[in-house]
């Protein structure tokens, strides 16, 4: 065998090994992706039918605001990431969406970028801990670093999606993002329906989500949009009682 032939065979073998390695990595990635997408479809009787999935995907982002069911479908079947704009102090105190550390199947598709920074401190006048707030001056910079593509698919949420999520929706719309959706009820309602492994809570049985307003109650272009609703769960009130700062003005609205 000539040296040239030997070199060619070695090169071919090396390429084959590289291709095989790439294919294995791709298969592993696809396997993880498949598991992540399959998670909500374990319970088709709870609303995850092919027809519903297709209808939801077709409706967004134009519909503007997604229920928990719609949000999970968009996340699992249509490539939407979730942007949580709560403060770090809230996340530490109340809880977080699944992260890559907690749920390797999901991966880094939940992003925490606070619209308003906050620290929990005891207020003697109130007799309880409150959030001392400050504007996150780097919010826009962090958003553009995390989502450089203005066509990125993003579900935006805060504690209950009645205030900061609306602010963030309006800001991202202003900054040119076109595939943005609000999550009705925010993290508080999401956490009542989905656990940290992206599985439905309260199974077996029927899950009921009851709001007294339509999706038009909150939207990217809505002015003064708010929720006026009640839930069908035996939990403490899911609505956030904190009055949050307006990011644009850097001030907390006065009591009406």
Protein backbone atom coordinates (compact mmCIF):
# COMPACT_ATOMS: atom_id res chain seq x y z
CA UNK A 1 0.00 0.00 0.00
CA UNK A 2 1.40 3.38 -0.99
CA UNK A 3 1.79 6.19 1.54
CA UNK A 4 -0.72 8.25 -0.42
CA UNK A 5 -3.35 5.50 -0.24
CA UNK A 6 -2.69 5.03 3.47
CA UNK A 7 -3.16 8.76 4.10
CA UNK A 8 -6.40 8.79 2.12
CA UNK A 9 -7.74 5.81 4.12
CA UNK A 10 -6.78 7.49 7.39
CA UNK A 11 -8.49 10.73 6.33
CA UNK A 12 -11.63 8.82 5.33
CA UNK A 13 -11.67 7.00 8.67
CA UNK A 14 -11.24 10.27 10.57
CA UNK A 15 -14.11 11.88 8.66
CA UNK A 16 -16.30 8.86 9.32
CA UNK A 17 -15.59 9.09 13.05
CA UNK A 18 -16.38 12.81 13.08
CA UNK A 19 -19.61 12.30 11.11
CA UNK A 20 -20.61 9.45 13.40
CA UNK A 21 -19.95 11.60 16.46
CA UNK A 22 -21.98 14.49 15.02
CA UNK A 23 -24.84 12.14 14.14
CA UNK A 24 -24.85 10.68 17.65
CA UNK A 25 -24.91 14.17 19.16
CA UNK A 26 -27.76 15.16 16.86
CA UNK A 27 -29.69 12.02 17.78
CA UNK A 28 -29.17 12.69 21.49
CA UNK A 29 -30.34 16.28 21.05
CA UNK A 30 -33.38 15.13 19.09
CA UNK A 31 -34.15 12.54 21.76
CA UNK A 32 -34.07 15.20 24.47
CA UNK A 33 -36.21 17.49 22.34
CA UNK A 34 -38.71 14.72 21.68
CA UNK A 35 -39.02 13.96 25.39
CA UNK A 36 -39.55 17.63 26.17
CA UNK A 37 -42.22 18.00 23.51
CA UNK A 38 -43.92 14.79 24.56
CA UNK A 39 -44.38 15.86 28.17
CA UNK A 40 -47.76 17.65 27.94
CA UNK A 41 -49.17 15.13 25.48
CA UNK A 42 -49.19 12.43 28.13
CA UNK A 43 -52.70 13.64 28.92
CA UNK A 44 -54.66 14.05 25.68
CA UNK A 45 -57.91 13.87 27.63
CA UNK A 46 -56.91 17.14 29.28
CA UNK A 47 -57.07 19.06 26.01
CA UNK A 48 -53.85 18.19 24.17
CA UNK A 49 -55.41 16.85 21.00
CA UNK A 50 -53.87 17.30 17.56
CA UNK A 51 -56.76 19.55 16.57
CA UNK A 52 -56.31 21.82 19.60
CA UNK A 53 -52.55 22.00 19.09
CA UNK A 54 -52.98 23.02 15.46
CA UNK A 55 -55.60 25.62 16.34
CA UNK A 56 -53.42 27.16 19.05
CA UNK A 57 -50.33 27.36 16.86
CA UNK A 58 -52.37 28.98 14.09
CA UNK A 59 -53.88 31.54 16.49
CA UNK A 60 -50.61 32.96 17.81
CA UNK A 61 -49.01 35.42 18.07
CA UNK A 62 -52.01 37.34 16.70
CA UNK A 63 -54.23 36.30 19.60
CA UNK A 64 -51.84 38.08 21.94
CA UNK A 65 -52.55 36.39 25.26
CA UNK A 66 -52.33 32.67 26.03
CA UNK A 67 -53.97 30.57 28.71
CA UNK A 68 -51.87 28.00 30.58
CA UNK A 69 -52.94 25.30 28.14
CA UNK A 70 -52.15 27.48 25.13
CA UNK A 71 -48.85 28.58 26.68
CA UNK A 72 -47.72 25.01 27.20
CA UNK A 73 -48.66 24.11 23.62
CA UNK A 74 -46.73 27.08 22.26
CA UNK A 75 -43.74 26.15 24.42
CA UNK A 76 -43.81 22.44 23.67
CA UNK A 77 -44.94 22.34 20.05
CA UNK A 78 -44.10 25.70 18.49
CA UNK A 79 -40.69 26.66 19.85
CA UNK A 80 -41.68 29.56 22.12
CA UNK A 81 -39.33 30.44 24.97
CA UNK A 82 -40.65 31.85 28.25
CA UNK A 83 -39.42 35.21 29.53
CA UNK A 84 -40.01 35.77 33.26
CA UNK A 85 -39.67 39.48 34.14
CA UNK A 86 -40.10 39.06 37.91
CA UNK A 87 -37.34 40.20 40.26
CA UNK A 88 -34.75 37.76 41.59
CA UNK A 89 -36.09 38.31 45.11
CA UNK A 90 -39.59 37.19 44.03
CA UNK A 91 -38.26 34.13 42.27
CA UNK A 92 -36.26 33.15 45.35
CA UNK A 93 -39.25 33.72 47.64
CA UNK A 94 -42.13 32.40 45.51
CA UNK A 95 -40.61 29.93 43.06
CA UNK A 96 -39.26 29.56 39.56
CA UNK A 97 -40.13 28.07 36.22
CA UNK A 98 -38.08 24.92 35.42
CA UNK A 99 -34.43 25.66 34.69
CA UNK A 100 -31.76 23.66 32.86
CA UNK A 101 -30.37 22.56 36.23
CA UNK A 102 -33.73 21.29 37.43
CA UNK A 103 -35.05 19.87 34.18
CA UNK A 104 -32.41 18.78 31.67
CA UNK A 105 -35.07 17.69 29.18
CA UNK A 106 -36.38 21.25 28.90
CA UNK A 107 -33.04 23.01 28.55
CA UNK A 108 -32.47 26.75 28.70
CA UNK A 109 -35.79 27.95 27.36
CA UNK A 110 -36.89 29.81 30.47
CA UNK A 111 -35.20 33.19 30.82
CA UNK A 112 -35.27 35.42 33.90
CA UNK A 113 -34.70 39.11 33.13
CA UNK A 114 -36.26 41.39 35.76
CA UNK A 115 -38.09 44.44 34.49
CA UNK A 116 -37.92 45.94 37.99
CA UNK A 117 -35.24 44.99 40.51
CA UNK A 118 -36.48 44.43 44.04
CA UNK A 119 -35.25 43.50 47.51
CA UNK A 120 -37.50 42.15 50.26
CA UNK A 121 -37.19 44.27 53.41
CA UNK A 122 -39.22 44.59 56.57
CA UNK A 123 -41.42 47.69 56.71
CA UNK A 124 -42.34 48.61 60.28
CA UNK A 125 -45.32 50.71 59.16
CA UNK A 126 -46.79 47.83 57.18
CA UNK A 127 -45.70 45.22 59.69
CA UNK A 128 -44.41 42.88 56.99
CA UNK A 129 -41.74 42.51 54.37
CA UNK A 130 -42.24 44.52 51.20
CA UNK A 131 -40.38 44.86 47.92
CA UNK A 132 -38.05 47.86 47.73
CA UNK A 133 -37.94 48.56 44.00
CA UNK A 134 -35.59 50.08 41.45
CA UNK A 135 -35.69 50.26 37.67
CA UNK A 136 -33.56 47.69 35.86
CA UNK A 137 -31.62 50.05 33.62
CA UNK A 138 -30.11 47.15 31.66
CA UNK A 139 -33.44 45.51 30.79
CA UNK A 140 -33.34 46.41 27.10
CA UNK A 141 -29.67 45.42 26.81
CA UNK A 142 -30.32 42.03 28.44
CA UNK A 143 -33.35 41.41 26.24
CA UNK A 144 -31.38 42.10 23.07
CA UNK A 145 -28.49 39.93 24.25
CA UNK A 146 -30.83 37.05 25.05
CA UNK A 147 -33.04 37.46 21.98
CA UNK A 148 -30.91 38.97 19.18
CA UNK A 149 -33.44 37.76 16.60
CA UNK A 150 -36.45 40.11 16.55
CA UNK A 151 -38.54 37.21 15.25
CA UNK A 152 -37.80 35.07 18.31
CA UNK A 153 -40.92 33.43 19.74
CA UNK A 154 -41.38 34.68 23.31
CA UNK A 155 -44.05 34.14 25.98
CA UNK A 156 -43.80 36.97 28.52
CA UNK A 157 -44.91 36.62 32.13
CA UNK A 158 -44.52 38.07 35.60
CA UNK A 159 -46.25 37.15 38.87
CA UNK A 160 -49.82 37.44 37.60
CA UNK A 161 -49.36 39.16 34.20
CA UNK A 162 -51.52 42.11 35.20
CA UNK A 163 -48.76 44.76 35.28
CA UNK A 164 -45.12 44.09 34.46
CA UNK A 165 -45.86 41.53 31.76
CA UNK A 166 -48.02 44.13 30.01
CA UNK A 167 -45.22 46.69 30.34
CA UNK A 168 -42.72 44.20 28.91
CA UNK A 169 -45.04 43.27 26.04
CA UNK A 170 -45.41 46.93 25.10
CA UNK A 171 -41.66 47.54 25.37
CA UNK A 172 -40.68 44.53 23.25
CA UNK A 173 -43.32 45.50 20.70
CA UNK A 174 -41.78 48.99 20.59
CA UNK A 175 -38.31 47.47 20.17
CA UNK A 176 -39.39 45.51 17.12
CA UNK A 177 -40.16 42.01 18.43
CA UNK A 178 -42.98 40.49 16.41
CA UNK A 179 -43.69 37.06 17.95
CA UNK A 180 -44.55 37.99 21.53
CA UNK A 181 -47.35 36.56 23.65
CA UNK A 182 -48.55 37.25 27.19
CA UNK A 183 -49.28 34.43 29.66
CA UNK A 184 -52.66 34.84 31.37
CA UNK A 185 -52.35 34.59 35.15
CA UNK A 186 -48.54 34.67 35.06
CA UNK A 187 -46.32 32.40 37.10
CA UNK A 188 -48.85 32.20 39.94
CA UNK A 189 -51.45 30.49 37.77
CA UNK A 190 -48.89 28.48 35.76
CA UNK A 191 -47.52 26.98 38.97
CA UNK A 192 -51.00 25.83 39.94
CA UNK A 193 -51.32 23.82 36.74
CA UNK A 194 -47.78 22.59 35.95
CA UNK A 195 -45.13 21.14 38.24
CA UNK A 196 -41.34 21.46 37.89
CA UNK A 197 -41.28 18.42 35.59
CA UNK A 198 -43.78 20.06 33.22
CA UNK A 199 -46.51 17.66 34.28
CA UNK A 200 -50.11 18.59 35.01
CA UNK A 201 -51.02 18.91 38.66
CA UNK A 202 -54.23 17.50 40.17
CA UNK A 203 -54.33 14.36 38.04
CA UNK A 204 -56.36 12.23 37.68
CA UNK A 205 -59.38 14.46 37.44
CA UNK A 206 -60.52 17.44 35.47
CA UNK A 207 -58.61 20.68 35.59
CA UNK A 208 -60.69 23.81 35.37
CA UNK A 209 -59.38 27.27 34.62
CA UNK A 210 -61.97 29.99 35.05
CA UNK A 211 -61.56 33.66 34.18
CA UNK A 212 -64.34 36.21 34.04
CA UNK A 213 -62.82 38.13 31.14
CA UNK A 214 -61.80 37.25 27.62
CA UNK A 215 -58.31 37.23 26.17
CA UNK A 216 -58.83 40.80 25.01
CA UNK A 217 -58.40 41.92 28.62
CA UNK A 218 -54.67 41.96 28.15
CA UNK A 219 -52.66 42.58 25.03
CA UNK A 220 -49.56 44.04 23.51
CA UNK A 221 -51.31 47.22 22.45
CA UNK A 222 -53.83 47.46 25.27
CA UNK A 223 -53.77 50.66 27.33
CA UNK A 224 -54.52 50.16 31.00
CA UNK A 225 -55.33 46.51 30.36
CA UNK A 226 -56.01 44.49 33.47
CA UNK A 227 -57.48 41.23 34.72
CA UNK A 228 -60.83 41.12 36.45
CA UNK A 229 -61.16 37.46 37.15
CA UNK A 230 -61.51 34.72 39.68
CA UNK A 231 -59.97 31.28 39.75
CA UNK A 232 -61.45 27.89 40.44
CA UNK A 233 -58.77 26.69 42.85
CA UNK A 234 -58.62 26.37 46.60
CA UNK A 235 -55.52 28.49 46.95
CA UNK A 236 -54.69 31.89 48.37
CA UNK A 237 -55.42 34.78 46.03
CA UNK A 238 -53.18 34.42 42.98
CA UNK A 239 -53.20 38.15 42.24
CA UNK A 240 -50.08 40.11 43.13
CA UNK A 241 -50.93 42.85 45.64
CA UNK A 242 -47.64 44.73 45.15
CA UNK A 243 -47.87 48.00 43.23
CA UNK A 244 -44.99 47.79 40.78
CA UNK A 245 -42.89 50.58 39.34
CA UNK A 246 -43.44 51.76 35.78
CA UNK A 247 -40.24 50.98 33.88
CA UNK A 248 -40.51 53.91 31.48
CA UNK A 249 -40.97 56.58 34.14
CA UNK A 250 -39.10 54.85 36.94
CA UNK A 251 -41.89 55.75 39.38
CA UNK A 252 -44.49 53.80 41.34
CA UNK A 253 -48.03 54.94 40.45
CA UNK A 254 -49.81 56.79 43.22
CA UNK A 255 -52.86 55.25 44.86
CA UNK A 256 -56.05 56.17 43.04
